[in-house]
Amino acid sequence: MNKKALITGISGQDGAYLSNFLLNKGYDVYGAVRRTSSINTGRLSELNVLDQINLVTMDLAEITNIQRVIEEVEPDEVYNLAAQSFVQTSFDQPIYTSEIDALGVTRI
Protein backbone atom coordinates (compact mmCIF):
# COMPACT_ATOMS: atom_id res chain seq x y z
CA MET A 1 0.00 0.00 0.00
CA ASN A 2 1.29 3.45 -0.92
CA LYS A 3 1.97 6.05 1.73
CA LYS A 4 -0.47 8.96 1.80
CA ALA A 5 0.71 12.54 2.06
CA LEU A 6 -1.48 15.56 2.74
CA ILE A 7 -0.01 18.85 1.54
CA THR A 8 -1.52 22.17 2.55
CA GLY A 9 -0.62 25.02 0.23
CA ILE A 10 -0.27 22.60 -2.66
CA SER A 11 -1.03 25.24 -5.28
CA GLY A 12 2.03 27.28 -4.30
CA GLN A 13 5.51 26.80 -5.73
CA ASP A 14 6.84 24.64 -2.88
CA GLY A 15 3.64 22.61 -2.64
CA ALA A 16 3.68 21.85 -6.35
CA TYR A 17 7.32 20.74 -6.34
CA LEU A 18 6.81 18.66 -3.19
CA SER A 19 3.79 16.95 -4.75
CA ASN A 20 5.84 16.07 -7.82
CA PHE A 21 8.65 14.71 -5.63
CA LEU A 22 6.29 12.57 -3.54
CA LEU A 23 4.40 11.26 -6.57
CA ASN A 24 7.72 10.15 -8.07
CA LYS A 25 8.38 8.24 -4.82
CA GLY A 26 5.04 6.42 -5.18
CA TYR A 27 2.95 8.38 -2.69
CA ASP A 28 -0.77 9.01 -2.94
CA VAL A 29 -0.89 12.80 -2.72
CA TYR A 30 -3.77 14.81 -1.31
CA GLY A 31 -3.67 18.56 -1.74
CA ALA A 32 -5.55 20.80 0.66
CA VAL A 33 -6.93 24.02 -0.77
CA ARG A 34 -9.08 26.73 0.79
CA ARG A 35 -12.71 26.51 -0.20
CA THR A 36 -12.91 30.27 -0.60
CA SER A 37 -9.98 30.51 -2.98
CA SER A 38 -10.09 30.17 -6.69
CA ILE A 39 -7.84 27.20 -7.04
CA ASN A 40 -4.75 28.11 -9.03
CA THR A 41 -3.57 24.84 -10.49
CA GLY A 42 -1.13 26.37 -12.96
CA ARG A 43 2.02 25.11 -11.24
CA LEU A 44 0.57 21.62 -10.82
CA SER A 45 -0.41 21.59 -14.50
CA GLU A 46 3.06 22.75 -15.57
CA LEU A 47 4.56 19.79 -13.71
CA ASN A 48 1.96 17.44 -15.25
CA VAL A 49 0.82 16.21 -11.83
CA LEU A 50 -2.62 17.78 -11.45
CA ASP A 51 -4.48 14.67 -12.61
CA GLN A 52 -2.55 12.54 -10.07
CA ILE A 53 -3.49 14.64 -7.03
CA ASN A 54 -6.63 14.34 -4.93
CA LEU A 55 -7.70 17.89 -4.08
CA VAL A 56 -9.61 18.39 -0.82
CA THR A 57 -10.95 21.58 0.72
CA MET A 58 -9.54 22.48 4.11
CA ASP A 59 -9.68 25.69 6.13
CA LEU A 60 -6.88 26.12 8.66
CA ALA A 61 -9.10 28.50 10.63
CA GLU A 62 -11.62 25.73 11.39
CA ILE A 63 -10.44 22.84 13.55
CA THR A 64 -13.49 20.67 12.82
CA ASN A 65 -12.80 21.00 9.11
CA ILE A 66 -9.18 19.95 9.64
CA GLN A 67 -10.26 16.97 11.74
CA ARG A 68 -12.72 15.86 9.06
CA VAL A 69 -10.07 15.97 6.33
CA ILE A 70 -7.50 14.12 8.47
CA GLU A 71 -10.07 11.44 9.34
CA GLU A 72 -11.13 11.02 5.69
CA VAL A 73 -7.65 11.03 4.14
CA GLU A 74 -5.80 9.22 6.98
CA PRO A 75 -2.42 10.58 5.85
CA ASP A 76 0.86 9.01 6.87
CA GLU A 77 2.54 12.40 6.53
CA VAL A 78 1.29 16.00 6.64
CA TYR A 79 3.21 18.86 5.05
CA ASN A 80 1.92 22.28 6.07
CA LEU A 81 2.97 24.79 3.44
CA ALA A 82 -0.18 26.90 3.61
CA ALA A 83 0.06 30.53 4.60
CA GLN A 84 -1.51 33.90 4.13
CA SER A 85 1.61 35.31 2.50
CA PHE A 86 0.50 38.61 0.99
CA VAL A 87 2.17 41.46 2.86
CA GLN A 88 -0.61 44.01 2.34
CA THR A 89 -3.24 41.53 3.51
CA SER A 90 -1.21 40.91 6.67
CA PHE A 91 -1.55 44.63 7.47
CA ASP A 92 -5.19 44.83 6.42
CA GLN A 93 -6.23 41.58 8.15
CA PRO A 94 -3.71 40.82 10.91
CA ILE A 95 -6.05 38.58 12.90
CA TYR A 96 -6.87 36.44 9.88
CA THR A 97 -3.17 36.23 9.02
CA SER A 98 -2.29 35.01 12.51
CA GLU A 99 -5.24 32.57 12.45
CA ILE A 100 -3.81 30.90 9.35
CA ASP A 101 -0.06 31.33 9.72
CA ALA A 102 0.30 30.69 13.46
CA LEU A 103 -2.78 29.02 14.86
CA GLY A 104 -3.30 26.89 11.76
CA VAL A 105 -0.16 24.96 12.64
CA THR A 106 -1.45 24.35 16.15
CA ARG A 107 -4.79 23.13 14.83
CA ILE A 108 -3.15 20.61 12.53
C-alpha atoms as a PDB file:
ATOM      1  CA  MET A   1       0.000   0.000   0.000  1.00  0.00           C
ATOM      2  CA  ASN A   2       1.291   3.451  -0.922  1.00  0.00           C
ATOM      3  CA  LYS A   3       1.967   6.048   1.730  1.00  0.00           C
ATOM      4  CA  LYS A   4      -0.469   8.961   1.799  1.00  0.00           C
ATOM      5  CA  ALA A   5       0.710  12.544   2.060  1.00  0.00           C
ATOM      6  CA  LEU A   6      -1.477  15.561   2.741  1.00  0.00           C
ATOM      7  CA  ILE A   7      -0.011  18.850   1.539  1.00  0.00           C
ATOM      8  CA  THR A   8      -1.523  22.171   2.553  1.00  0.00           C
ATOM      9  CA  GLY A   9      -0.618  25.018   0.232  1.00  0.00           C
ATOM     10  CA  ILE A  10      -0.269  22.600  -2.664  1.00  0.00           C
ATOM     11  CA  SER A  11      -1.031  25.243  -5.283  1.00  0.00           C
ATOM     12  CA  GLY A  12       2.033  27.277  -4.304  1.00  0.00           C
ATOM     13  CA  GLN A  13       5.511  26.795  -5.727  1.00  0.00           C
ATOM     14  CA  ASP A  14       6.841  24.644  -2.885  1.00  0.00           C
ATOM     15  CA  GLY A  15       3.641  22.605  -2.638  1.00  0.00           C
ATOM     16  CA  ALA A  16       3.684  21.848  -6.351  1.00  0.00           C
ATOM     17  CA  TYR A  17       7.319  20.739  -6.340  1.00  0.00           C
ATOM     18  CA  LEU A  18       6.805  18.664  -3.192  1.00  0.00           C
ATOM     19  CA  SER A  19       3.792  16.948  -4.745  1.00  0.00           C
ATOM     20  CA  ASN A  20       5.844  16.072  -7.820  1.00  0.00           C
ATOM     21  CA  PHE A  21       8.654  14.711  -5.627  1.00  0.00           C
ATOM     22  CA  LEU A  22       6.294  12.574  -3.538  1.00  0.00           C
ATOM     23  CA  LEU A  23       4.402  11.263  -6.571  1.00  0.00           C
ATOM     24  CA  ASN A  24       7.717  10.154  -8.067  1.00  0.00           C
ATOM     25  CA  LYS A  25       8.378   8.241  -4.824  1.00  0.00           C
ATOM     26  CA  GLY A  26       5.043   6.424  -5.180  1.00  0.00           C
ATOM     27  CA  TYR A  27       2.949   8.379  -2.686  1.00  0.00           C
ATOM     28  CA  ASP A  28      -0.771   9.013  -2.943  1.00  0.00           C
ATOM     29  CA  VAL A  29      -0.887  12.798  -2.716  1.00  0.00           C
ATOM     30  CA  TYR A  30      -3.771  14.806  -1.307  1.00  0.00           C
ATOM     31  CA  GLY A  31      -3.669  18.556  -1.736  1.00  0.00           C
ATOM     32  CA  ALA A  32      -5.552  20.797   0.656  1.00  0.00           C
ATOM     33  CA  VAL A  33      -6.933  24.024  -0.775  1.00  0.00           C
ATOM     34  CA  ARG A  34      -9.077  26.731   0.787  1.00  0.00           C
ATOM     35  CA  ARG A  35     -12.707  26.509  -0.203  1.00  0.00           C
ATOM     36  CA  THR A  36     -12.906  30.272  -0.604  1.00  0.00           C
ATOM     37  CA  SER A  37      -9.985  30.506  -2.977  1.00  0.00           C
ATOM     38  CA  SER A  38     -10.094  30.166  -6.688  1.00  0.00           C
ATOM     39  CA  ILE A  39      -7.837  27.198  -7.045  1.00  0.00           C
ATOM     40  CA  ASN A  40      -4.748  28.115  -9.031  1.00  0.00           C
ATOM     41  CA  THR A  41      -3.567  24.837 -10.486  1.00  0.00           C
ATOM     42  CA  GLY A  42      -1.127  26.367 -12.956  1.00  0.00           C
ATOM     43  CA  ARG A  43       2.018  25.112 -11.236  1.00  0.00           C
ATOM     44  CA  LEU A  44       0.571  21.625 -10.822  1.00  0.00           C
ATOM     45  CA  SER A  45      -0.406  21.588 -14.499  1.00  0.00           C
ATOM     46  CA  GLU A  46       3.060  22.753 -15.572  1.00  0.00           C
ATOM     47  CA  LEU A  47       4.562  19.792 -13.707  1.00  0.00           C
ATOM     48  CA  ASN A  48       1.961  17.441 -15.246  1.00  0.00           C
ATOM     49  CA  VAL A  49       0.817  16.211 -11.829  1.00  0.00           C
ATOM     50  CA  LEU A  50      -2.625  17.783 -11.452  1.00  0.00           C
ATOM     51  CA  ASP A  51      -4.476  14.666 -12.613  1.00  0.00           C
ATOM     52  CA  GLN A  52      -2.551  12.544 -10.068  1.00  0.00           C
ATOM     53  CA  ILE A  53      -3.486  14.640  -7.027  1.00  0.00           C
ATOM     54  CA  ASN A  54      -6.626  14.343  -4.926  1.00  0.00           C
ATOM     55  CA  LEU A  55      -7.698  17.893  -4.075  1.00  0.00           C
ATOM     56  CA  VAL A  56      -9.613  18.388  -0.820  1.00  0.00           C
ATOM     57  CA  THR A  57     -10.950  21.582   0.724  1.00  0.00           C
ATOM     58  CA  MET A  58      -9.544  22.479   4.107  1.00  0.00           C
ATOM     59  CA  ASP A  59      -9.677  25.689   6.130  1.00  0.00           C
ATOM     60  CA  LEU A  60      -6.876  26.118   8.662  1.00  0.00           C
ATOM     61  CA  ALA A  61      -9.098  28.502  10.627  1.00  0.00           C
ATOM     62  CA  GLU A  62     -11.619  25.731  11.386  1.00  0.00           C
ATOM     63  CA  ILE A  63     -10.441  22.838  13.549  1.00  0.00           C
ATOM     64  CA  THR A  64     -13.487  20.670  12.820  1.00  0.00           C
ATOM     65  CA  ASN A  65     -12.801  20.995   9.107  1.00  0.00           C
ATOM     66  CA  ILE A  66      -9.175  19.954   9.644  1.00  0.00           C
ATOM     67  CA  GLN A  67     -10.258  16.969  11.739  1.00  0.00           C
ATOM     68  CA  ARG A  68     -12.718  15.860   9.057  1.00  0.00           C
ATOM     69  CA  VAL A  69     -10.069  15.969   6.333  1.00  0.00           C
ATOM     70  CA  ILE A  70      -7.498  14.116   8.467  1.00  0.00           C
ATOM     71  CA  GLU A  71     -10.072  11.438   9.336  1.00  0.00           C
ATOM     72  CA  GLU A  72     -11.125  11.018   5.693  1.00  0.00           C
ATOM     73  CA  VAL A  73      -7.652  11.025   4.144  1.00  0.00           C
ATOM     74  CA  GLU A  74      -5.799   9.224   6.975  1.00  0.00           C
ATOM     75  CA  PRO A  75      -2.419  10.582   5.850  1.00  0.00           C
ATOM     76  CA  ASP A  76       0.863   9.014   6.873  1.00  0.00           C
ATOM     77  CA  GLU A  77       2.535  12.400   6.534  1.00  0.00           C
ATOM     78  CA  VAL A  78       1.287  16.001   6.640  1.00  0.00           C
ATOM     79  CA  TYR A  79       3.211  18.864   5.053  1.00  0.00           C
ATOM     80  CA  ASN A  80       1.918  22.285   6.069  1.00  0.00           C
ATOM     81  CA  LEU A  81       2.970  24.795   3.436  1.00  0.00           C
ATOM     82  CA  ALA A  82      -0.185  26.905   3.610  1.00  0.00           C
ATOM     83  CA  ALA A  83       0.062  30.533   4.597  1.00  0.00           C
ATOM     84  CA  GLN A  84      -1.508  33.902   4.126  1.00  0.00           C
ATOM     85  CA  SER A  85       1.607  35.308   2.496  1.00  0.00           C
ATOM     86  CA  PHE A  86       0.496  38.611   0.989  1.00  0.00           C
ATOM     87  CA  VAL A  87       2.166  41.463   2.855  1.00  0.00           C
ATOM     88  CA  GLN A  88      -0.609  44.009   2.343  1.00  0.00           C
ATOM     89  CA  THR A  89      -3.244  41.526   3.514  1.00  0.00           C
ATOM     90  CA  SER A  90      -1.213  40.910   6.667  1.00  0.00           C
ATOM     91  CA  PHE A  91      -1.550  44.627   7.473  1.00  0.00           C
ATOM     92  CA  ASP A  92      -5.192  44.826   6.419  1.00  0.00           C
ATOM     93  CA  GLN A  93      -6.228  41.584   8.149  1.00  0.00           C
ATOM     94  CA  PRO A  94      -3.714  40.824  10.912  1.00  0.00           C
ATOM     95  CA  ILE A  95      -6.051  38.581  12.903  1.00  0.00           C
ATOM     96  CA  TYR A  96      -6.874  36.442   9.877  1.00  0.00           C
ATOM     97  CA  THR A  97      -3.171  36.227   9.021  1.00  0.00           C
ATOM     98  CA  SER A  98      -2.289  35.006  12.513  1.00  0.00           C
ATOM     99  CA  GLU A  99      -5.237  32.571  12.450  1.00  0.00           C
ATOM    100  CA  ILE A 100      -3.806  30.897   9.351  1.00  0.00           C
ATOM    101  CA  ASP A 101      -0.056  31.333   9.723  1.00  0.00           C
ATOM    102  CA  ALA A 102       0.302  30.691  13.461  1.00  0.00           C
ATOM    103  CA  LEU A 103      -2.783  29.018  14.859  1.00  0.00           C
ATOM    104  CA  GLY A 104      -3.303  26.886  11.756  1.00  0.00           C
ATOM    105  CA  VAL A 105      -0.158  24.964  12.641  1.00  0.00           C
ATOM    106  CA  THR A 106      -1.450  24.350  16.148  1.00  0.00           C
ATOM    107  CA  ARG A 107      -4.787  23.131  14.830  1.00  0.00           C
ATOM    108  CA  ILE A 108      -3.149  20.611  12.530  1.00  0.00           C
END
